[in-house]
Structure formats: C-alpha cells, structure tokens
Amino acid sequence: MGRIRKIDPETASEEVKEAIAAHLSQGYHLTNEKLTLLHSVPCFLAIEESSYAVDRELQKLIGKRAADIYEYAISDANECLVCSLYFRDLLKREGIDIATLEFTEEETLLIEFAKALAKDAMHVPSELKDRMQEKFDDHAFVVITTMGIMMLANNYFNEIAEVDTGAA
C-alpha cells in the first residue's frame, strides 16, 4: 500500500471527476500515480498533463520509440520502480524487448543523457551537452531536457509518495 491513499474516482469531487474525464477522453488511462496525484488537480495537471504534452512534442522530434526508450532510461537510471516498470511494459506492448534491443546511435546518446540527468541533473557533463547540441537543434534540446525533468518529477513523486507498483 502506498504512503498516500489513492482517490476513489466514484466518490471524488466534481473537479477531480472532470480532470479524470478529460484525461480519459484523450485516450489515457488511470494509474496508481495519477490516482494519488489527483488529491490535487493542479498537481495532477502540472506533473501528468504537462508531461504528456511535452512527450507529444518529443515524439514529433525523435519518434515514439526513441522517446519511450529515453523516458525508460531516466526511470531505470533513477531507480524508480513505478515508472521503469510502466515503460518496460509499454515497450513490451510495442514489441520492444529493452534487454535485447540494439540501440541506434541517437538512442544511445539519449540513454547517456538520461543517465546523466538521473545521476545529477545539476552537473551534466559539458562534453555530453556539446554532443547533444551537435545532434539536436536548440528546440529539440529544450524539449529533450524538459521531458527529462518531467520524468524526474514523476520518479521523485512516486518514490516519495511510495506509490504502489501494482495495477490501478
């Protein structure tokens, strides 16, 4: 059981029910993290809805596979069980076995950047940032970095709140 109980969508406030309906109408589903964050709709919107918006932008720039691998790599390196299991399952549903996958050069660079962010986001090596900027223009670098920060926020929330890893 998580440190914070999940909200019950059936007995939730109208504000929460509206946030849930809007989220589900976009094709997303409810997870334990979301049901925990929904104790505060602004917090849910800040972490969940914002990260989905940034993820859509990231996918336009680098593709879904690379985006999912990058987000998995951050969660895995940051040792967030909830998010790493989520992305491992997502990749598996897409037919990708992360353990045996041969990464592209771009994916390898994104994984290296993800690991650096997870290790110490305040001190990503300049040499790595230089290589990222050689590969990606300023717009893409901003989107990739922002998605990394959003993933770290998700990871930290899950760990601090001790969100359950099981099914919602």
Protein backbone atom coordinates (compact mmCIF):
# COMPACT_ATOMS: atom_id res chain seq x y z
CA MET A 1 0.00 0.00 0.00
CA GLY A 2 1.27 3.46 -0.89
CA ARG A 3 2.06 6.12 1.67
CA ILE A 4 -0.85 8.19 0.37
CA ARG A 5 -4.15 6.53 -0.38
CA LYS A 6 -5.42 6.71 -3.93
CA ILE A 7 -8.54 8.74 -4.61
CA ASP A 8 -11.69 6.82 -5.42
CA PRO A 9 -13.00 8.12 -8.76
CA GLU A 10 -16.56 7.19 -7.74
CA THR A 11 -16.56 9.38 -4.61
CA ALA A 12 -14.19 12.09 -5.84
CA SER A 13 -15.11 15.77 -6.05
CA GLU A 14 -16.58 17.14 -9.27
CA GLU A 15 -13.27 18.89 -10.03
CA VAL A 16 -11.43 15.56 -9.81
CA LYS A 17 -14.09 13.77 -11.86
CA GLU A 18 -13.77 16.44 -14.57
CA ALA A 19 -9.98 16.06 -14.60
CA ILE A 20 -10.34 12.28 -14.88
CA ALA A 21 -12.91 12.56 -17.70
CA ALA A 22 -10.68 14.97 -19.63
CA HIS A 23 -7.67 12.70 -19.17
CA LEU A 24 -9.54 9.56 -20.22
CA SER A 25 -11.05 11.36 -23.23
CA GLN A 26 -7.51 11.81 -24.58
CA GLY A 27 -7.05 8.05 -24.62
CA TYR A 28 -5.01 7.81 -21.43
CA HIS A 29 -5.76 5.53 -18.51
CA LEU A 30 -5.57 5.91 -14.77
CA THR A 31 -2.52 4.63 -12.92
CA ASN A 32 -1.75 4.48 -9.23
CA GLU A 33 0.43 7.58 -9.62
CA LYS A 34 -2.41 9.52 -11.23
CA LEU A 35 -4.93 8.36 -8.63
CA THR A 36 -2.53 9.58 -5.94
CA LEU A 37 -1.75 12.90 -7.64
CA LEU A 38 -5.47 13.58 -8.06
CA HIS A 39 -5.68 14.60 -4.42
CA SER A 40 -4.76 17.92 -6.04
CA VAL A 41 -5.95 18.64 -9.57
CA PRO A 42 -3.32 21.40 -10.09
CA CYS A 43 -0.57 18.92 -9.08
CA PHE A 44 -2.03 16.28 -11.40
CA LEU A 45 -2.14 18.78 -14.25
CA ALA A 46 1.39 20.01 -13.56
CA ILE A 47 3.03 16.61 -13.47
CA GLU A 48 0.83 14.36 -15.61
CA GLU A 49 -0.89 16.52 -18.21
CA SER A 50 2.20 18.67 -18.75
CA SER A 51 4.44 15.65 -19.19
CA TYR A 52 2.05 14.21 -21.78
CA ALA A 53 2.15 17.49 -23.71
CA VAL A 54 5.95 17.55 -23.66
CA ASP A 55 6.05 13.86 -24.62
CA ARG A 56 3.88 14.52 -27.68
CA GLU A 57 6.32 17.26 -28.73
CA LEU A 58 9.28 14.95 -28.09
CA GLN A 59 7.73 12.18 -30.20
CA LYS A 60 7.32 14.61 -33.11
CA LEU A 61 11.04 15.36 -32.93
CA ILE A 62 12.64 11.96 -32.27
CA GLY A 63 9.85 9.40 -32.76
CA LYS A 64 7.85 7.32 -30.30
CA ARG A 65 10.39 4.54 -29.92
CA ALA A 66 13.28 6.88 -29.07
CA ALA A 67 11.06 8.93 -26.73
CA ASP A 68 9.88 5.83 -24.87
CA ILE A 69 13.44 4.49 -24.60
CA TYR A 70 14.67 7.85 -23.30
CA GLU A 71 11.91 8.04 -20.69
CA TYR A 72 12.51 4.44 -19.65
CA ALA A 73 16.26 5.09 -19.37
CA ILE A 74 15.69 8.02 -17.00
CA SER A 75 13.36 5.99 -14.77
CA ASP A 76 15.65 2.97 -14.81
CA ALA A 77 18.77 5.01 -14.01
CA ASN A 78 16.85 6.90 -11.32
CA GLU A 79 15.69 3.56 -9.88
CA CYS A 80 12.01 4.50 -9.95
CA LEU A 81 10.31 1.13 -9.91
CA VAL A 82 6.85 2.50 -10.77
CA CYS A 83 7.99 4.36 -13.89
CA SER A 84 10.58 1.83 -15.06
CA LEU A 85 8.00 -0.98 -14.86
CA TYR A 86 5.48 1.23 -16.67
CA PHE A 87 7.88 1.94 -19.54
CA ARG A 88 9.20 -1.63 -19.69
CA ASP A 89 5.58 -2.81 -20.11
CA LEU A 90 4.86 -0.07 -22.66
CA LEU A 91 7.90 -1.04 -24.73
CA LYS A 92 6.95 -4.71 -24.48
CA ARG A 93 3.44 -3.93 -25.81
CA GLU A 94 5.18 -2.19 -28.73
CA GLY A 95 7.18 -5.37 -29.40
CA ILE A 96 10.42 -3.99 -27.97
CA ASP A 97 12.50 -6.07 -25.56
CA ILE A 98 14.71 -3.49 -23.90
CA ALA A 99 17.13 -6.19 -22.70
CA THR A 100 17.98 -7.38 -26.22
CA LEU A 101 17.37 -4.24 -28.27
CA GLU A 102 20.15 -2.86 -30.44
CA PHE A 103 20.01 0.90 -29.97
CA THR A 104 20.57 3.43 -32.73
CA GLU A 105 23.33 6.00 -32.34
CA GLU A 106 20.70 8.60 -31.43
CA GLU A 107 19.09 6.31 -28.84
CA THR A 108 22.50 5.56 -27.31
CA LEU A 109 23.16 9.30 -26.94
CA LEU A 110 19.70 9.85 -25.42
CA ILE A 111 20.29 7.00 -22.95
CA GLU A 112 23.64 8.52 -21.95
CA PHE A 113 21.94 11.89 -21.43
CA ALA A 114 19.12 10.21 -19.46
CA LYS A 115 21.62 8.51 -17.16
CA ALA A 116 23.48 11.78 -16.61
CA LEU A 117 20.23 13.57 -15.71
CA ALA A 118 19.27 10.81 -13.28
CA LYS A 119 22.72 10.78 -11.70
CA ASP A 120 22.97 14.54 -11.16
CA ALA A 121 20.81 16.81 -13.28
CA MET A 122 22.65 19.86 -11.98
CA HIS A 123 26.00 18.62 -13.26
CA VAL A 124 25.51 17.03 -16.67
CA PRO A 125 28.99 16.98 -18.23
CA SER A 126 29.61 19.82 -20.71
CA GLU A 127 31.07 17.34 -23.19
CA LEU A 128 27.79 15.40 -23.18
CA LYS A 129 25.75 18.58 -23.59
CA ASP A 130 28.03 19.51 -26.50
CA ARG A 131 27.35 16.16 -28.20
CA MET A 132 23.62 16.57 -27.62
CA GLN A 133 23.73 20.02 -29.24
CA GLU A 134 25.69 18.65 -32.20
CA LYS A 135 22.93 16.10 -32.77
CA PHE A 136 19.87 18.17 -31.83
CA ASP A 137 18.98 21.79 -32.58
CA ASP A 138 18.12 24.22 -29.78
CA HIS A 139 14.38 23.47 -29.94
CA ALA A 140 14.94 19.71 -29.68
CA PHE A 141 17.49 20.15 -26.89
CA VAL A 142 14.96 22.16 -24.89
CA VAL A 143 12.23 19.56 -25.43
CA ILE A 144 14.52 16.61 -24.58
CA THR A 145 15.80 18.32 -21.45
CA THR A 146 12.31 19.35 -20.34
CA MET A 147 10.99 15.80 -20.82
CA GLY A 148 13.89 14.56 -18.73
CA ILE A 149 12.99 16.99 -15.96
CA MET A 150 9.33 15.93 -16.17
CA MET A 151 10.34 12.27 -15.88
CA LEU A 152 12.47 13.06 -12.83
CA ALA A 153 9.47 14.82 -11.26
CA ASN A 154 7.35 11.71 -11.89
CA ASN A 155 10.09 9.48 -10.49
CA TYR A 156 10.57 11.55 -7.36
CA PHE A 157 6.85 11.81 -6.69
CA ASN A 158 6.42 8.04 -7.00
CA GLU A 159 9.32 7.33 -4.67
CA ILE A 160 8.45 9.96 -2.05
CA ALA A 161 4.74 9.02 -2.01
CA GLU A 162 5.62 5.30 -2.18
CA VAL A 163 3.12 4.80 -4.98
CA ASP A 164 2.10 1.17 -5.43
CA THR A 165 3.59 -0.62 -8.44
CA GLY A 166 0.53 -2.84 -8.92
CA ALA A 167 -2.41 -2.23 -11.21
CA ALA A 168 -4.67 0.73 -10.52
